[in-house]
Amino acid sequence: MNSPLQLATRLIHVLAVLAAFLINCSAAETPASPEAQKLNDLLTRTADHTSVFLDQFSDVKCTEQVRQEKLGKDNRVELKEDSTFDYLVILTNANGELNLSESRLPIHEAKRDRKNTSMLLSNGFATLFLVFHPYYAAAFTFNLAGEDTVGGRLLEKVNFQHVPGMKSPAALALRGREYPLELTGTAWIDPQTGAIAKIEAGIADTLQDVGLKALSSEIDFAPLRFSDSKQEYWFPTQARVEVETPRQHWRNLHQFTAYKKFSVSTEEQVIKK
């Protein structure tokens, strides 16, 4: 039986204040050109927005529908499986360190293929906005890539590229080991608020030696308002992930709908003896 290939984000230990301090010190060493200052201001707004959004994202739950596809010659779908989950991101704070993980409670799970065909398990791509979080931003280089209109909004395009040897918000889990992904891609960002509307990311040929030929992903975000607030929040609506090895090809589609705020309450009782 083949082992499924897993893509998952790592647990995150955030030292945002220290990371932001190091970034600011690096930027202050040389005078910034107008273009560099524009980029720095945009990255600062995006980092601030991402830090706040991380708290918002952990206060909601949604429905996640996942379609897993096994592709054959000419990208023809040979096998597909559909599942539905209650999805939420769990954020905890212990001794000043933040811990982020995903929780999926099955509503409907696809029946396993009788031939035990390997399928792609793609987790964590809804949180690729962490590329711009203060904890990870120092591990990437950024540059402006012009403007683009998406959904009637004028957005700034920002290219990003992972610095080899630095920490990454995503990893490949294969045969009991984790390989950090050296992500490169583009984000579409609201220049006024720093909200991320879209991310495209992939990797170069850095993991050919473990059999990963290509990886690409595309994550869409959309504004959302809850009934008890006038504030606009941007949440993931769709994540598309495609992975290819020398012998196999997969494509997964994640759709996130029905966002709701949730609260957790506990009740303690003293048992009398």
Protein backbone atom coordinates (compact mmCIF):
# COMPACT_ATOMS: atom_id res chain seq x y z
CA MET A 1 0.00 0.00 0.00
CA ASN A 2 1.39 3.34 -1.02
CA SER A 3 1.77 6.03 1.64
CA PRO A 4 -0.12 9.27 0.91
CA LEU A 5 1.96 12.34 0.20
CA GLN A 6 1.24 15.00 2.77
CA LEU A 7 1.67 18.74 2.59
CA ALA A 8 1.19 20.50 5.90
CA THR A 9 2.08 23.70 7.59
CA ARG A 10 4.31 23.47 10.60
CA LEU A 11 3.33 24.50 14.08
CA ILE A 12 4.20 28.15 14.45
CA HIS A 13 6.08 29.69 17.37
CA VAL A 14 5.72 33.41 16.84
CA LEU A 15 8.25 35.93 18.13
CA ALA A 16 6.65 38.84 16.27
CA VAL A 17 8.20 41.66 18.27
CA LEU A 18 11.75 40.40 17.82
CA ALA A 19 11.22 39.67 14.11
CA ALA A 20 9.76 43.11 13.46
CA PHE A 21 12.69 44.70 15.32
CA LEU A 22 15.23 42.84 13.19
CA ILE A 23 13.43 43.80 9.97
CA ASN A 24 13.32 47.47 10.95
CA CYS A 25 17.01 47.46 11.90
CA SER A 26 17.95 45.92 8.54
CA ALA A 27 15.85 48.46 6.64
CA ALA A 28 17.41 51.35 8.57
CA GLU A 29 20.98 50.51 7.57
CA THR A 30 20.75 52.17 4.12
CA PRO A 31 18.62 55.06 2.82
CA ALA A 32 15.58 53.78 0.96
CA SER A 33 14.72 54.78 -2.61
CA PRO A 34 11.10 55.89 -3.27
CA GLU A 35 10.33 52.42 -4.66
CA ALA A 36 11.95 50.71 -1.68
CA GLN A 37 10.10 53.00 0.73
CA LYS A 38 6.81 52.22 -1.02
CA LEU A 39 7.50 48.50 -0.67
CA ASN A 40 8.54 48.84 2.96
CA ASP A 41 5.38 50.79 3.82
CA LEU A 42 3.22 48.19 2.07
CA LEU A 43 4.96 45.31 3.82
CA THR A 44 4.53 47.05 7.18
CA ARG A 45 0.78 47.47 6.58
CA THR A 46 0.52 43.87 5.40
CA ALA A 47 2.43 42.56 8.42
CA ASP A 48 0.17 44.53 10.77
CA HIS A 49 -2.94 43.32 8.96
CA THR A 50 -1.71 39.72 8.96
CA SER A 51 -0.98 39.82 12.70
CA VAL A 52 -4.50 41.09 13.44
CA PHE A 53 -6.05 38.69 10.94
CA LEU A 54 -4.38 35.73 12.63
CA ASP A 55 -6.42 36.48 15.76
CA GLN A 56 -9.59 36.95 13.68
CA PHE A 57 -9.04 33.69 11.80
CA SER A 58 -8.80 31.76 15.05
CA ASP A 59 -12.17 33.13 16.19
CA VAL A 60 -14.18 31.62 13.35
CA LYS A 61 -15.07 28.24 11.96
CA CYS A 62 -16.27 27.31 8.50
CA THR A 63 -17.18 24.43 6.22
CA GLU A 64 -14.35 23.07 4.11
CA GLN A 65 -15.12 21.01 1.02
CA VAL A 66 -12.16 19.11 -0.41
CA ARG A 67 -11.95 17.48 -3.81
CA GLN A 68 -8.89 15.24 -4.33
CA GLU A 69 -8.05 14.29 -7.90
CA LYS A 70 -5.55 11.79 -9.29
CA LEU A 71 -4.54 12.88 -12.79
CA GLY A 72 -3.30 10.76 -15.65
CA LYS A 73 -2.11 11.38 -19.17
CA ASP A 74 -3.07 14.80 -20.61
CA ASN A 75 -4.27 15.82 -17.10
CA ARG A 76 -7.24 13.49 -17.39
CA VAL A 77 -8.95 12.80 -14.04
CA GLU A 78 -8.49 9.11 -13.23
CA LEU A 79 -9.91 9.19 -9.71
CA LYS A 80 -11.63 11.81 -7.55
CA GLU A 81 -12.76 11.86 -3.94
CA ASP A 82 -14.95 14.45 -2.17
CA SER A 83 -14.97 15.16 1.55
CA THR A 84 -16.50 17.80 3.82
CA PHE A 85 -15.19 19.02 7.17
CA ASP A 86 -15.88 21.47 9.96
CA TYR A 87 -12.72 23.56 9.76
CA LEU A 88 -11.07 25.89 12.22
CA VAL A 89 -7.64 27.21 13.07
CA ILE A 90 -6.61 26.79 16.69
CA LEU A 91 -4.41 29.52 18.12
CA THR A 92 -2.97 29.11 21.61
CA ASN A 93 -0.63 31.27 23.65
CA ALA A 94 1.67 29.69 26.20
CA ASN A 95 4.54 31.57 27.84
CA GLY A 96 4.42 34.24 25.16
CA GLU A 97 4.71 31.75 22.28
CA LEU A 98 1.84 31.37 19.82
CA ASN A 99 0.92 27.96 18.43
CA LEU A 100 -1.15 27.64 15.24
CA SER A 101 -2.70 24.39 14.03
CA GLU A 102 -5.63 23.30 11.88
CA SER A 103 -8.57 21.20 13.08
CA ARG A 104 -10.80 19.22 10.74
CA LEU A 105 -13.86 17.37 12.00
CA PRO A 106 -15.32 15.14 9.28
CA ILE A 107 -18.89 15.74 8.14
CA HIS A 108 -18.54 13.50 5.11
CA GLU A 109 -15.43 11.53 4.22
CA ALA A 110 -14.74 9.98 0.84
CA LYS A 111 -14.68 6.20 0.64
CA ARG A 112 -11.20 4.83 0.15
CA ASP A 113 -10.31 3.46 -3.26
CA ARG A 114 -10.20 -0.34 -3.31
CA LYS A 115 -6.89 -0.29 -5.17
CA ASN A 116 -5.31 1.80 -2.39
CA THR A 117 -4.35 4.51 -4.88
CA SER A 118 -2.21 7.21 -3.28
CA MET A 119 -3.99 10.55 -2.96
CA LEU A 120 -2.59 13.96 -2.05
CA LEU A 121 -3.28 15.27 1.46
CA SER A 122 -2.90 19.06 1.26
CA ASN A 123 -3.26 20.88 4.56
CA GLY A 124 -2.39 24.39 5.63
CA PHE A 125 -2.52 26.27 2.35
CA ALA A 126 -5.26 28.55 3.69
CA THR A 127 -2.59 29.96 6.01
CA LEU A 128 0.02 30.88 3.39
CA PHE A 129 -0.64 34.52 4.29
CA LEU A 130 1.93 33.80 7.02
CA VAL A 131 4.62 34.58 4.43
CA PHE A 132 3.92 38.23 5.34
CA HIS A 133 3.64 37.70 9.10
CA PRO A 134 6.50 39.30 11.11
CA TYR A 135 7.73 35.88 12.23
CA TYR A 136 8.30 34.65 8.65
CA ALA A 137 8.81 37.87 6.67
CA ALA A 138 12.55 37.95 7.42
CA ALA A 139 12.85 34.57 5.66
CA PHE A 140 11.71 36.02 2.33
CA THR A 141 12.80 38.67 -0.13
CA PHE A 142 10.11 40.90 -1.64
CA ASN A 143 9.76 43.20 -4.63
CA LEU A 144 6.96 45.20 -6.22
CA ALA A 145 5.51 43.74 -9.44
CA GLY A 146 3.07 46.44 -10.57
CA GLU A 147 -0.65 46.94 -10.14
CA ASP A 148 -3.56 44.70 -11.08
CA THR A 149 -7.35 44.90 -10.77
CA VAL A 150 -9.07 41.94 -9.11
CA GLY A 151 -12.79 41.98 -8.39
CA GLY A 152 -12.98 45.69 -9.15
CA ARG A 153 -10.21 46.51 -6.66
CA LEU A 154 -6.88 48.04 -7.62
CA LEU A 155 -4.22 45.93 -5.93
CA GLU A 156 -0.45 45.93 -5.63
CA LYS A 157 1.36 42.80 -6.76
CA VAL A 158 4.27 41.76 -4.55
CA ASN A 159 6.67 38.97 -5.52
CA PHE A 160 8.23 36.91 -2.74
CA GLN A 161 11.02 34.35 -2.67
CA HIS A 162 12.17 32.19 0.20
CA VAL A 163 15.76 32.57 1.38
CA PRO A 164 17.43 29.12 1.42
CA GLY A 165 18.20 27.88 4.90
CA MET A 166 15.62 30.12 6.61
CA LYS A 167 12.41 28.91 8.25
CA SER A 168 9.35 28.37 6.03
CA PRO A 169 5.61 28.41 6.86
CA ALA A 170 5.07 25.23 4.79
CA ALA A 171 6.69 21.82 4.62
CA LEU A 172 6.45 18.55 2.73
CA ALA A 173 5.79 15.56 4.99
CA LEU A 174 7.10 12.41 3.35
CA ARG A 175 7.97 9.04 4.86
CA GLY A 176 8.13 10.41 8.38
CA ARG A 177 10.31 13.42 7.55
CA GLU A 178 9.57 17.12 6.99
CA TYR A 179 11.18 19.13 4.20
CA PRO A 180 10.73 22.94 4.38
CA LEU A 181 9.30 24.34 1.16
CA GLU A 182 11.29 27.14 -0.45
CA LEU A 183 8.24 29.01 -1.66
CA THR A 184 8.28 31.60 -4.39
CA GLY A 185 5.27 33.44 -5.74
CA THR A 186 3.12 36.55 -5.92
CA ALA A 187 0.55 38.15 -3.62
CA TRP A 188 -2.15 40.65 -4.59
CA ILE A 189 -2.48 43.17 -1.73
CA ASP A 190 -4.82 46.07 -1.00
CA PRO A 191 -2.38 49.03 -0.81
CA GLN A 192 -4.52 50.93 1.71
CA THR A 193 -5.23 48.20 4.26
CA GLY A 194 -2.57 45.55 3.64
CA ALA A 195 -5.28 42.91 3.17
CA ILE A 196 -4.25 39.99 0.95
CA ALA A 197 -6.72 39.18 -1.84
CA LYS A 198 -4.83 36.40 -3.61
CA ILE A 199 -1.64 34.37 -3.36
CA GLU A 200 0.05 32.20 -5.97
CA ALA A 201 2.97 30.13 -4.72
CA GLY A 202 5.12 27.24 -5.80
CA ILE A 203 8.61 25.81 -5.54
CA ALA A 204 11.54 25.49 -7.90
CA ASP A 205 13.38 22.19 -8.36
CA THR A 206 14.67 22.20 -4.79
CA LEU A 207 13.06 18.85 -3.83
CA GLN A 208 13.79 16.80 -6.94
CA ASP A 209 16.02 14.54 -4.84
CA VAL A 210 13.01 13.35 -2.76
CA GLY A 211 10.79 12.92 -5.79
CA LEU A 212 8.85 16.19 -5.86
CA LYS A 213 8.92 17.43 -9.44
CA ALA A 214 6.53 20.41 -9.19
CA LEU A 215 4.19 22.11 -6.74
CA SER A 216 1.86 25.03 -7.38
CA SER A 217 -0.89 26.60 -5.30
CA GLU A 218 -3.38 29.42 -5.62
CA ILE A 219 -5.34 30.85 -2.69
CA ASP A 220 -8.21 33.33 -3.05
CA PHE A 221 -9.47 35.58 -0.26
CA ALA A 222 -12.70 37.60 -0.13
CA PRO A 223 -14.11 40.30 2.19
CA LEU A 224 -16.69 39.23 4.75
CA ARG A 225 -18.76 41.11 7.32
CA PHE A 226 -20.41 39.47 10.30
CA SER A 227 -23.84 40.64 11.43
CA ASP A 228 -22.53 41.95 14.75
CA SER A 229 -19.75 44.07 13.23
CA LYS A 230 -19.30 46.68 10.49
CA GLN A 231 -15.64 45.78 10.07
CA GLU A 232 -14.60 43.99 6.89
CA TYR A 233 -12.60 40.80 7.22
CA TRP A 234 -10.74 38.94 4.46
CA PHE A 235 -10.93 35.15 4.67
CA PRO A 236 -9.76 32.31 2.40
CA THR A 237 -12.49 31.16 0.01
CA GLN A 238 -10.59 28.70 -2.16
CA ALA A 239 -7.23 26.98 -2.30
CA ARG A 240 -6.04 25.03 -5.34
CA VAL A 241 -3.00 22.77 -4.96
CA GLU A 242 -1.27 20.76 -7.67
CA VAL A 243 1.65 18.39 -7.11
CA GLU A 244 3.61 16.29 -9.57
CA THR A 245 6.24 13.59 -9.11
CA PRO A 246 8.02 11.73 -11.93
CA ARG A 247 5.28 9.09 -11.86
CA GLN A 248 2.18 10.67 -10.33
CA HIS A 249 0.12 13.85 -10.61
CA TRP A 250 -2.50 15.18 -8.17
CA ARG A 251 -4.77 18.20 -7.92
CA ASN A 252 -6.77 19.23 -4.84
CA LEU A 253 -9.40 21.93 -4.49
CA HIS A 254 -10.36 23.31 -1.07
CA GLN A 255 -13.46 25.53 -0.76
CA PHE A 256 -14.20 27.44 2.45
CA THR A 257 -17.78 28.58 3.06
CA ALA A 258 -20.28 29.38 5.83
CA TYR A 259 -17.90 31.30 8.09
CA LYS A 260 -19.26 31.76 11.60
CA LYS A 261 -17.89 33.20 14.79
CA PHE A 262 -17.67 30.75 17.62
CA SER A 263 -16.93 30.86 21.33
CA VAL A 264 -15.84 28.18 23.71
CA SER A 265 -17.17 28.08 27.26
CA THR A 266 -16.23 25.73 30.04
CA GLU A 267 -18.07 24.80 33.16
CA GLU A 268 -16.41 23.55 36.33
CA GLN A 269 -18.22 21.62 39.01
CA VAL A 270 -16.96 20.63 42.44
CA ILE A 271 -17.85 17.07 43.35
CA LYS A 272 -18.78 16.77 46.99
CA LYS A 273 -17.47 13.71 48.74
